[in-house]
Each structure stands twice: as C-alpha cells, then as structure tokens.
C-alpha cells in the first residue's frame, strides 16, 4: 500500500533526493559513469532506511532486498572508473547469478539448489535482459512506473509497493539529473532490483494477480520497442502504455475476483 505518513514516505523521498544530488553533481563534473552510481546508492540507502540491516538469515523475501541492494551497488563500483569489456561482462554475470540465487532463498545443498533452480534460472536470465533494454532514456523509469502500478493493483501485502516506489524514485532522480541514456553503473542495480521486485510477490504469494503484476513492467520494457519500432510519435507511445496498462488492469480485476 502507499505511504500514509511522512515517516513511511521517508524512504522513497530519500531515494529521490539522493539520486538527484549525486547524479546532478557528478554530471556537472562531467563524470557520467560515476554519476550513474547515484541510482544504486540511492536505492541501497532507501531500502536500508525502510527495512534496516538484517543481521540474521532473512525469513521473508522482502528482507532479502537490503543485502541485494548493497551487492548491486558494490558490483557497479569498478564500472565507475571506466572499466569495460570482459570485466563489465563478468560483473553483469555476477549480478545476475547472485540475484537468482539470493532471491531463490540462497540454497546451499544439492536438494535445495534443485528445488530453487526454476526461479533462480529465470531471474538469472531476466537481469541481463532488463539491463540491456533499460539503456534508452526514460525506458527504465516507465518500467518502474508500471511495476508500482502493478503492485498496487494486485494488492500484494508487505513492503513491496514501498520497495517499488524506492526503485522508481531512484531511477527518476537519476534520469532527471543524469540525463540521456542510463549509464552502465545505473543499469546493473536497476536490473537486479527490478528483477527481484518482479519475482518477490510471485515467490511469496504467487496469486494470479501477482503474475499479471509481474508482466506490467516487463511487457513495455521487453516487447514495447519491438512492437512499436516502426511507429512514431503518439502511436509508439500508445503501444507502450497499453502494454503496461493491460496487465495492470488484469491484476486489479484478478485481485477483486480472488
């Protein structure tokens, strides 16, 4: 649910302000890759502000987000100094593997690994896809808007909507202050967190409304550019909006039926 007090709204507001300040300052200094760290830094700070630091093993899936956000930020640090090529690919692969393994429960035994394999592999494939498709200006922000709308429509319990708002605030602040395409340093944490927020409600509850909500950010992000590639102006925008609106409406309807 949406925040109903300034205390509850502190986390997404902090993400927005920190992303704006960091990305704006470093863009002014003409360091776009370092400016891209603003998204991961803002998201990690806000997630920790909302959920705190988990010293024990997480019992709820949402409680896995603080560690995930910190790992995502850490993986982007080498990219801020212009590291490209094989190292960037290795860091991206590491982020995808960690996201899949961590959100699938962090399995260690063979039996647990086999049981968690479908969810883990799906997330490992989703992270690089989102990372690639979120590069153009505002595409990641639109996906985050669709994510929040889908989570609200599905009525999923827990802090998932607030976590979605944190990602949206960080991405929006990064885009406004950074301008242009989303830098590599911003896309990796964005992809890891978006994948986790898509999968979290599915793994935690798995209702029909949660499946529809999961499609909401992915349809415009992954299918939108292909279905609207030959269109221009408002027609292309309409296709992308519809690709997000249809699953959001479906999530709302399924939540009411359930």
C-alpha atoms as a PDB file:
ATOM      1  CA  UNK A   1       0.000   0.000   0.000  1.00  0.00           C
ATOM      2  CA  UNK A   2       1.025   3.619  -0.483  1.00  0.00           C
ATOM      3  CA  UNK A   3       2.603   5.525   2.431  1.00  0.00           C
ATOM      4  CA  UNK A   4       0.064   7.368   4.595  1.00  0.00           C
ATOM      5  CA  UNK A   5       2.533   9.401   6.666  1.00  0.00           C
ATOM      6  CA  UNK A   6       5.754  11.312   6.212  1.00  0.00           C
ATOM      7  CA  UNK A   7       7.564   8.621   8.189  1.00  0.00           C
ATOM      8  CA  UNK A   8       6.527   5.944   5.707  1.00  0.00           C
ATOM      9  CA  UNK A   9       7.281   8.242   2.761  1.00  0.00           C
ATOM     10  CA  UNK A  10      10.808   8.996   4.024  1.00  0.00           C
ATOM     11  CA  UNK A  11      12.464   6.119   2.149  1.00  0.00           C
ATOM     12  CA  UNK A  12      11.299   6.917  -1.418  1.00  0.00           C
ATOM     13  CA  UNK A  13      11.792  10.642  -0.789  1.00  0.00           C
ATOM     14  CA  UNK A  14      15.335   9.979   0.414  1.00  0.00           C
ATOM     15  CA  UNK A  15      15.997   7.886  -2.708  1.00  0.00           C
ATOM     16  CA  UNK A  16      14.769  10.703  -4.939  1.00  0.00           C
ATOM     17  CA  UNK A  17      16.795  13.409  -3.208  1.00  0.00           C
ATOM     18  CA  UNK A  18      19.990  11.374  -3.042  1.00  0.00           C
ATOM     19  CA  UNK A  19      19.780  10.297  -6.685  1.00  0.00           C
ATOM     20  CA  UNK A  20      19.134  13.882  -7.797  1.00  0.00           C
ATOM     21  CA  UNK A  21      22.009  15.278  -5.742  1.00  0.00           C
ATOM     22  CA  UNK A  22      24.569  12.605  -6.623  1.00  0.00           C
ATOM     23  CA  UNK A  23      23.806  12.347 -10.336  1.00  0.00           C
ATOM     24  CA  UNK A  24      23.438  16.109 -10.714  1.00  0.00           C
ATOM     25  CA  UNK A  25      26.741  16.882  -9.018  1.00  0.00           C
ATOM     26  CA  UNK A  26      28.738  14.293 -10.946  1.00  0.00           C
ATOM     27  CA  UNK A  27      27.102  15.205 -14.242  1.00  0.00           C
ATOM     28  CA  UNK A  28      28.111  18.798 -13.612  1.00  0.00           C
ATOM     29  CA  UNK A  29      31.656  17.490 -13.066  1.00  0.00           C
ATOM     30  CA  UNK A  30      31.328  15.662 -16.411  1.00  0.00           C
ATOM     31  CA  UNK A  31      31.725  12.190 -14.957  1.00  0.00           C
ATOM     32  CA  UNK A  32      28.687  10.316 -16.317  1.00  0.00           C
ATOM     33  CA  UNK A  33      29.777   6.828 -15.233  1.00  0.00           C
ATOM     34  CA  UNK A  34      30.372   7.951 -11.659  1.00  0.00           C
ATOM     35  CA  UNK A  35      27.094   9.876 -11.781  1.00  0.00           C
ATOM     36  CA  UNK A  36      25.371   6.603 -12.632  1.00  0.00           C
ATOM     37  CA  UNK A  37      26.238   5.282  -9.183  1.00  0.00           C
ATOM     38  CA  UNK A  38      23.514   7.572  -7.857  1.00  0.00           C
ATOM     39  CA  UNK A  39      20.764   5.073  -8.677  1.00  0.00           C
ATOM     40  CA  UNK A  40      22.330   2.166  -6.811  1.00  0.00           C
ATOM     41  CA  UNK A  41      23.477   4.372  -3.927  1.00  0.00           C
ATOM     42  CA  UNK A  42      20.050   5.983  -3.523  1.00  0.00           C
ATOM     43  CA  UNK A  43      18.218   2.665  -3.753  1.00  0.00           C
ATOM     44  CA  UNK A  44      20.515   0.933  -1.248  1.00  0.00           C
ATOM     45  CA  UNK A  45      20.264   3.788   1.257  1.00  0.00           C
ATOM     46  CA  UNK A  46      16.469   3.954   0.994  1.00  0.00           C
ATOM     47  CA  UNK A  47      15.993   0.175   1.251  1.00  0.00           C
ATOM     48  CA  UNK A  48      18.133   0.125   4.390  1.00  0.00           C
ATOM     49  CA  UNK A  49      16.146   3.076   5.740  1.00  0.00           C
ATOM     50  CA  UNK A  50      12.896   1.207   5.136  1.00  0.00           C
ATOM     51  CA  UNK A  51      13.842  -2.314   6.214  1.00  0.00           C
ATOM     52  CA  UNK A  52      17.009  -1.883   8.274  1.00  0.00           C
ATOM     53  CA  UNK A  53      20.027  -4.164   8.288  1.00  0.00           C
ATOM     54  CA  UNK A  54      19.203  -7.863   8.557  1.00  0.00           C
ATOM     55  CA  UNK A  55      21.797  -9.480  10.822  1.00  0.00           C
ATOM     56  CA  UNK A  56      20.039 -12.864  10.882  1.00  0.00           C
ATOM     57  CA  UNK A  57      19.044 -15.017   7.927  1.00  0.00           C
ATOM     58  CA  UNK A  58      16.047 -13.345   6.213  1.00  0.00           C
ATOM     59  CA  UNK A  59      12.738 -15.084   6.883  1.00  0.00           C
ATOM     60  CA  UNK A  60      10.708 -13.054   4.404  1.00  0.00           C
ATOM     61  CA  UNK A  61      11.589 -12.472   0.760  1.00  0.00           C
ATOM     62  CA  UNK A  62      11.335  -8.703   1.109  1.00  0.00           C
ATOM     63  CA  UNK A  63      14.010  -8.859   3.814  1.00  0.00           C
ATOM     64  CA  UNK A  64      16.476 -10.032   1.156  1.00  0.00           C
ATOM     65  CA  UNK A  65      16.385  -6.649  -0.580  1.00  0.00           C
ATOM     66  CA  UNK A  66      18.852  -4.813   1.737  1.00  0.00           C
ATOM     67  CA  UNK A  67      21.676  -7.272   1.023  1.00  0.00           C
ATOM     68  CA  UNK A  68      20.762  -7.398  -2.674  1.00  0.00           C
ATOM     69  CA  UNK A  69      20.852  -3.614  -2.975  1.00  0.00           C
ATOM     70  CA  UNK A  70      24.256  -3.427  -1.272  1.00  0.00           C
ATOM     71  CA  UNK A  71      25.696  -6.147  -3.508  1.00  0.00           C
ATOM     72  CA  UNK A  72      24.284  -4.379  -6.579  1.00  0.00           C
ATOM     73  CA  UNK A  73      25.975  -1.149  -5.518  1.00  0.00           C
ATOM     74  CA  UNK A  74      29.261  -2.904  -4.838  1.00  0.00           C
ATOM     75  CA  UNK A  75      29.306  -4.581  -8.247  1.00  0.00           C
ATOM     76  CA  UNK A  76      28.974  -1.235 -10.007  1.00  0.00           C
ATOM     77  CA  UNK A  77      31.907   0.456  -8.258  1.00  0.00           C
ATOM     78  CA  UNK A  78      34.584  -0.834 -10.699  1.00  0.00           C
ATOM     79  CA  UNK A  79      32.470   0.427 -13.614  1.00  0.00           C
ATOM     80  CA  UNK A  80      32.566   3.971 -12.246  1.00  0.00           C
ATOM     81  CA  UNK A  81      36.248   4.198 -13.130  1.00  0.00           C
ATOM     82  CA  UNK A  82      35.618   3.321 -16.740  1.00  0.00           C
ATOM     83  CA  UNK A  83      36.114  -0.432 -16.510  1.00  0.00           C
ATOM     84  CA  UNK A  84      34.617  -2.028 -19.623  1.00  0.00           C
ATOM     85  CA  UNK A  85      34.972  -5.146 -21.748  1.00  0.00           C
ATOM     86  CA  UNK A  86      35.375  -8.500 -20.019  1.00  0.00           C
ATOM     87  CA  UNK A  87      35.209  -7.021 -16.516  1.00  0.00           C
ATOM     88  CA  UNK A  88      31.867  -5.335 -17.186  1.00  0.00           C
ATOM     89  CA  UNK A  89      30.514  -8.603 -18.592  1.00  0.00           C
ATOM     90  CA  UNK A  90      31.816 -10.515 -15.562  1.00  0.00           C
ATOM     91  CA  UNK A  91      30.220  -8.054 -13.148  1.00  0.00           C
ATOM     92  CA  UNK A  92      26.918  -8.248 -15.018  1.00  0.00           C
ATOM     93  CA  UNK A  93      27.028 -12.050 -14.921  1.00  0.00           C
ATOM     94  CA  UNK A  94      27.840 -11.967 -11.215  1.00  0.00           C
ATOM     95  CA  UNK A  95      24.876  -9.670 -10.576  1.00  0.00           C
ATOM     96  CA  UNK A  96      22.519 -11.966 -12.487  1.00  0.00           C
ATOM     97  CA  UNK A  97      23.757 -15.118 -10.725  1.00  0.00           C
ATOM     98  CA  UNK A  98      23.603 -13.523  -7.267  1.00  0.00           C
ATOM     99  CA  UNK A  99      20.093 -12.152  -7.864  1.00  0.00           C
ATOM    100  CA  UNK A 100      18.797 -15.553  -8.953  1.00  0.00           C
ATOM    101  CA  UNK A 101      20.500 -17.445  -6.145  1.00  0.00           C
ATOM    102  CA  UNK A 102      19.692 -14.940  -3.378  1.00  0.00           C
ATOM    103  CA  UNK A 103      16.028 -14.365  -4.243  1.00  0.00           C
ATOM    104  CA  UNK A 104      15.519 -18.119  -4.668  1.00  0.00           C
ATOM    105  CA  UNK A 105      16.405 -18.480  -0.992  1.00  0.00           C
ATOM    106  CA  UNK A 106      20.198 -18.717  -1.115  1.00  0.00           C
ATOM    107  CA  UNK A 107      20.193 -22.533  -1.454  1.00  0.00           C
ATOM    108  CA  UNK A 108      23.404 -24.333  -0.484  1.00  0.00           C
ATOM    109  CA  UNK A 109      22.588 -28.039  -0.534  1.00  0.00           C
ATOM    110  CA  UNK A 110      22.029 -30.030  -3.708  1.00  0.00           C
ATOM    111  CA  UNK A 111      18.387 -30.694  -2.868  1.00  0.00           C
ATOM    112  CA  UNK A 112      17.710 -27.020  -2.210  1.00  0.00           C
ATOM    113  CA  UNK A 113      19.528 -25.999  -5.388  1.00  0.00           C
ATOM    114  CA  UNK A 114      17.394 -28.340  -7.485  1.00  0.00           C
ATOM    115  CA  UNK A 115      14.203 -27.125  -5.849  1.00  0.00           C
ATOM    116  CA  UNK A 116      15.113 -23.462  -6.387  1.00  0.00           C
ATOM    117  CA  UNK A 117      16.516 -23.929  -9.900  1.00  0.00           C
ATOM    118  CA  UNK A 118      13.451 -22.792 -11.928  1.00  0.00           C
ATOM    119  CA  UNK A 119      13.067 -19.472 -10.093  1.00  0.00           C
ATOM    120  CA  UNK A 120      16.807 -18.895  -9.903  1.00  0.00           C
ATOM    121  CA  UNK A 121      17.422 -19.535 -13.582  1.00  0.00           C
ATOM    122  CA  UNK A 122      14.502 -17.331 -14.609  1.00  0.00           C
ATOM    123  CA  UNK A 123      15.948 -14.442 -12.611  1.00  0.00           C
ATOM    124  CA  UNK A 124      19.453 -15.046 -13.971  1.00  0.00           C
ATOM    125  CA  UNK A 125      18.066 -14.628 -17.486  1.00  0.00           C
ATOM    126  CA  UNK A 126      15.846 -11.678 -16.596  1.00  0.00           C
ATOM    127  CA  UNK A 127      18.600  -9.479 -15.132  1.00  0.00           C
ATOM    128  CA  UNK A 128      20.704  -9.139 -18.325  1.00  0.00           C
ATOM    129  CA  UNK A 129      17.571  -8.647 -20.444  1.00  0.00           C
ATOM    130  CA  UNK A 130      16.428  -5.747 -18.264  1.00  0.00           C
ATOM    131  CA  UNK A 131      19.956  -4.355 -18.147  1.00  0.00           C
ATOM    132  CA  UNK A 132      20.097  -4.216 -21.960  1.00  0.00           C
ATOM    133  CA  UNK A 133      16.601  -2.863 -22.553  1.00  0.00           C
ATOM    134  CA  UNK A 134      16.723  -0.163 -19.848  1.00  0.00           C
ATOM    135  CA  UNK A 135      19.502   1.757 -21.585  1.00  0.00           C
ATOM    136  CA  UNK A 136      17.455   4.303 -23.641  1.00  0.00           C
ATOM    137  CA  UNK A 137      16.311   7.470 -21.838  1.00  0.00           C
ATOM    138  CA  UNK A 138      13.216   7.095 -19.632  1.00  0.00           C
ATOM    139  CA  UNK A 139      12.607   3.438 -20.538  1.00  0.00           C
ATOM    140  CA  UNK A 140      13.690   2.247 -17.118  1.00  0.00           C
ATOM    141  CA  UNK A 141      11.574   4.901 -15.402  1.00  0.00           C
ATOM    142  CA  UNK A 142       8.498   3.820 -17.386  1.00  0.00           C
ATOM    143  CA  UNK A 143       9.117   0.206 -16.392  1.00  0.00           C
ATOM    144  CA  UNK A 144       9.362   1.253 -12.729  1.00  0.00           C
ATOM    145  CA  UNK A 145       6.083   3.176 -13.017  1.00  0.00           C
ATOM    146  CA  UNK A 146       4.411   0.069 -14.453  1.00  0.00           C
ATOM    147  CA  UNK A 147       5.915  -2.029 -11.650  1.00  0.00           C
ATOM    148  CA  UNK A 148       4.466   0.198  -8.922  1.00  0.00           C
ATOM    149  CA  UNK A 149       1.081   0.316 -10.676  1.00  0.00           C
ATOM    150  CA  UNK A 150       1.021  -3.471 -10.963  1.00  0.00           C
ATOM    151  CA  UNK A 151       1.955  -3.977  -7.309  1.00  0.00           C
ATOM    152  CA  UNK A 152      -0.739  -1.537  -6.205  1.00  0.00           C
ATOM    153  CA  UNK A 153      -3.351  -3.173  -8.416  1.00  0.00           C
ATOM    154  CA  UNK A 154      -2.547  -6.672  -7.172  1.00  0.00           C
ATOM    155  CA  UNK A 155      -2.935  -5.678  -3.525  1.00  0.00           C
ATOM    156  CA  UNK A 156       0.153  -7.666  -2.529  1.00  0.00           C
ATOM    157  CA  UNK A 157       0.772  -7.463   1.231  1.00  0.00           C
ATOM    158  CA  UNK A 158       4.036  -6.383   2.759  1.00  0.00           C
ATOM    159  CA  UNK A 159       6.518  -3.665   1.778  1.00  0.00           C
ATOM    160  CA  UNK A 160       6.617  -4.490  -1.956  1.00  0.00           C
ATOM    161  CA  UNK A 161       4.876  -1.301  -3.086  1.00  0.00           C
ATOM    162  CA  UNK A 162       7.198   0.820  -0.955  1.00  0.00           C
ATOM    163  CA  UNK A 163      10.201  -1.006  -2.395  1.00  0.00           C
ATOM    164  CA  UNK A 164       8.844  -0.366  -5.877  1.00  0.00           C
ATOM    165  CA  UNK A 165       8.475   3.315  -5.052  1.00  0.00           C
ATOM    166  CA  UNK A 166      12.087   3.393  -3.896  1.00  0.00           C
ATOM    167  CA  UNK A 167      13.277   1.969  -7.216  1.00  0.00           C
ATOM    168  CA  UNK A 168      11.056   4.388  -9.131  1.00  0.00           C
ATOM    169  CA  UNK A 169      12.309   7.373  -7.104  1.00  0.00           C
ATOM    170  CA  UNK A 170      15.954   6.399  -7.576  1.00  0.00           C
ATOM    171  CA  UNK A 171      15.504   5.816 -11.315  1.00  0.00           C
ATOM    172  CA  UNK A 172      13.548   9.042 -11.777  1.00  0.00           C
ATOM    173  CA  UNK A 173      16.095  11.121  -9.878  1.00  0.00           C
ATOM    174  CA  UNK A 174      18.925   9.519 -11.826  1.00  0.00           C
ATOM    175  CA  UNK A 175      17.226  10.222 -15.148  1.00  0.00           C
ATOM    176  CA  UNK A 176      16.312  13.822 -14.343  1.00  0.00           C
ATOM    177  CA  UNK A 177      19.752  14.755 -13.021  1.00  0.00           C
ATOM    178  CA  UNK A 178      21.852  12.484 -15.219  1.00  0.00           C
ATOM    179  CA  UNK A 179      20.025  12.989 -18.496  1.00  0.00           C
ATOM    180  CA  UNK A 180      20.470  10.902 -21.611  1.00  0.00           C
ATOM    181  CA  UNK A 181      20.819   7.142 -21.688  1.00  0.00           C
ATOM    182  CA  UNK A 182      21.046   5.177 -18.436  1.00  0.00           C
ATOM    183  CA  UNK A 183      24.735   4.520 -17.732  1.00  0.00           C
ATOM    184  CA  UNK A 184      26.119   1.031 -17.110  1.00  0.00           C
ATOM    185  CA  UNK A 185      26.635   1.908 -13.457  1.00  0.00           C
ATOM    186  CA  UNK A 186      22.909   2.625 -13.093  1.00  0.00           C
ATOM    187  CA  UNK A 187      21.540  -0.189 -15.248  1.00  0.00           C
ATOM    188  CA  UNK A 188      23.044  -3.102 -13.310  1.00  0.00           C
ATOM    189  CA  UNK A 189      21.496  -2.235  -9.901  1.00  0.00           C
ATOM    190  CA  UNK A 190      18.272  -1.223 -11.646  1.00  0.00           C
ATOM    191  CA  UNK A 191      18.063  -4.603 -13.395  1.00  0.00           C
ATOM    192  CA  UNK A 192      18.866  -6.575 -10.239  1.00  0.00           C
ATOM    193  CA  UNK A 193      16.301  -4.735  -8.125  1.00  0.00           C
ATOM    194  CA  UNK A 194      13.587  -4.744 -10.781  1.00  0.00           C
ATOM    195  CA  UNK A 195      14.005  -8.492 -11.272  1.00  0.00           C
ATOM    196  CA  UNK A 196      13.829  -9.041  -7.504  1.00  0.00           C
ATOM    197  CA  UNK A 197      10.688  -6.920  -7.174  1.00  0.00           C
ATOM    198  CA  UNK A 198       9.038  -8.730 -10.074  1.00  0.00           C
ATOM    199  CA  UNK A 199       9.831 -12.143  -8.597  1.00  0.00           C
ATOM    200  CA  UNK A 200       9.288 -11.371  -4.910  1.00  0.00           C
ATOM    201  CA  UNK A 201       5.472 -11.359  -4.804  1.00  0.00           C
ATOM    202  CA  UNK A 202       5.366 -14.377  -7.133  1.00  0.00           C
ATOM    203  CA  UNK A 203       7.585 -16.406  -4.848  1.00  0.00           C
ATOM    204  CA  UNK A 204       5.954 -15.113  -1.657  1.00  0.00           C
ATOM    205  CA  UNK A 205       2.288 -15.474  -2.648  1.00  0.00           C
ATOM    206  CA  UNK A 206       2.007 -16.479  -6.305  1.00  0.00           C
ATOM    207  CA  UNK A 207      -1.607 -15.407  -6.818  1.00  0.00           C
ATOM    208  CA  UNK A 208      -2.987 -14.807 -10.304  1.00  0.00           C
ATOM    209  CA  UNK A 209      -2.928 -11.053  -9.668  1.00  0.00           C
ATOM    210  CA  UNK A 210       0.789 -11.286  -8.849  1.00  0.00           C
ATOM    211  CA  UNK A 211       1.506 -12.916 -12.208  1.00  0.00           C
ATOM    212  CA  UNK A 212      -0.336 -10.130 -14.006  1.00  0.00           C
ATOM    213  CA  UNK A 213       1.517  -7.512 -11.967  1.00  0.00           C
ATOM    214  CA  UNK A 214       4.842  -9.132 -12.870  1.00  0.00           C
ATOM    215  CA  UNK A 215       4.065  -8.708 -16.574  1.00  0.00           C
ATOM    216  CA  UNK A 216       3.290  -4.986 -16.170  1.00  0.00           C
ATOM    217  CA  UNK A 217       6.914  -3.690 -16.176  1.00  0.00           C
ATOM    218  CA  UNK A 218       8.286  -6.415 -18.439  1.00  0.00           C
ATOM    219  CA  UNK A 219       5.840  -6.096 -21.325  1.00  0.00           C
ATOM    220  CA  UNK A 220       6.606  -2.441 -22.186  1.00  0.00           C
ATOM    221  CA  UNK A 221      10.301  -2.887 -21.391  1.00  0.00           C
ATOM    222  CA  UNK A 222      10.950  -6.035 -23.426  1.00  0.00           C
ATOM    223  CA  UNK A 223       8.157  -6.053 -26.024  1.00  0.00           C
ATOM    224  CA  UNK A 224       7.438  -2.327 -26.397  1.00  0.00           C
ATOM    225  CA  UNK A 225      10.493  -1.415 -28.508  1.00  0.00           C
ATOM    226  CA  UNK A 226       9.831  -4.327 -30.869  1.00  0.00           C
ATOM    227  CA  UNK A 227       6.115  -3.788 -31.347  1.00  0.00           C
ATOM    228  CA  UNK A 228       6.424  -0.015 -31.721  1.00  0.00           C
ATOM    229  CA  UNK A 229       9.748   0.101 -33.548  1.00  0.00           C
ATOM    230  CA  UNK A 230       8.269   1.164 -36.903  1.00  0.00           C
ATOM    231  CA  UNK A 231       5.807   3.605 -35.381  1.00  0.00           C
ATOM    232  CA  UNK A 232       6.464   7.219 -34.471  1.00  0.00           C
ATOM    233  CA  UNK A 233       5.097   9.833 -32.112  1.00  0.00           C
ATOM    234  CA  UNK A 234       1.932   9.136 -30.189  1.00  0.00           C
ATOM    235  CA  UNK A 235       1.320   5.754 -31.828  1.00  0.00           C
ATOM    236  CA  UNK A 236       4.541   4.305 -30.430  1.00  0.00           C
ATOM    237  CA  UNK A 237       3.792   5.813 -27.010  1.00  0.00           C
ATOM    238  CA  UNK A 238       0.263   4.388 -27.085  1.00  0.00           C
ATOM    239  CA  UNK A 239       1.553   0.868 -27.749  1.00  0.00           C
ATOM    240  CA  UNK A 240       3.956   1.066 -24.818  1.00  0.00           C
ATOM    241  CA  UNK A 241       1.290   2.468 -22.471  1.00  0.00           C
ATOM    242  CA  UNK A 242      -1.180  -0.254 -23.476  1.00  0.00           C
ATOM    243  CA  UNK A 243       1.417  -2.954 -22.920  1.00  0.00           C
ATOM    244  CA  UNK A 244       1.706  -1.752 -19.332  1.00  0.00           C
ATOM    245  CA  UNK A 245      -1.957  -0.861 -18.743  1.00  0.00           C
ATOM    246  CA  UNK A 246      -3.443  -4.206 -19.817  1.00  0.00           C
ATOM    247  CA  UNK A 247      -1.610  -6.346 -17.210  1.00  0.00           C
ATOM    248  CA  UNK A 248      -2.181  -3.665 -14.541  1.00  0.00           C
ATOM    249  CA  UNK A 249      -5.922  -3.781 -15.258  1.00  0.00           C
ATOM    250  CA  UNK A 250      -5.774  -7.580 -15.230  1.00  0.00           C
ATOM    251  CA  UNK A 251      -4.010  -7.538 -11.856  1.00  0.00           C
ATOM    252  CA  UNK A 252      -6.689  -5.234 -10.455  1.00  0.00           C
ATOM    253  CA  UNK A 253      -9.508  -7.428 -11.752  1.00  0.00           C
ATOM    254  CA  UNK A 254      -7.939 -10.681 -10.594  1.00  0.00           C
ATOM    255  CA  UNK A 255      -7.303  -9.233  -7.134  1.00  0.00           C
ATOM    256  CA  UNK A 256     -11.001  -8.331  -6.838  1.00  0.00           C
ATOM    257  CA  UNK A 257     -12.113 -11.734  -8.059  1.00  0.00           C
ATOM    258  CA  UNK A 258      -9.796 -13.501  -5.639  1.00  0.00           C
END
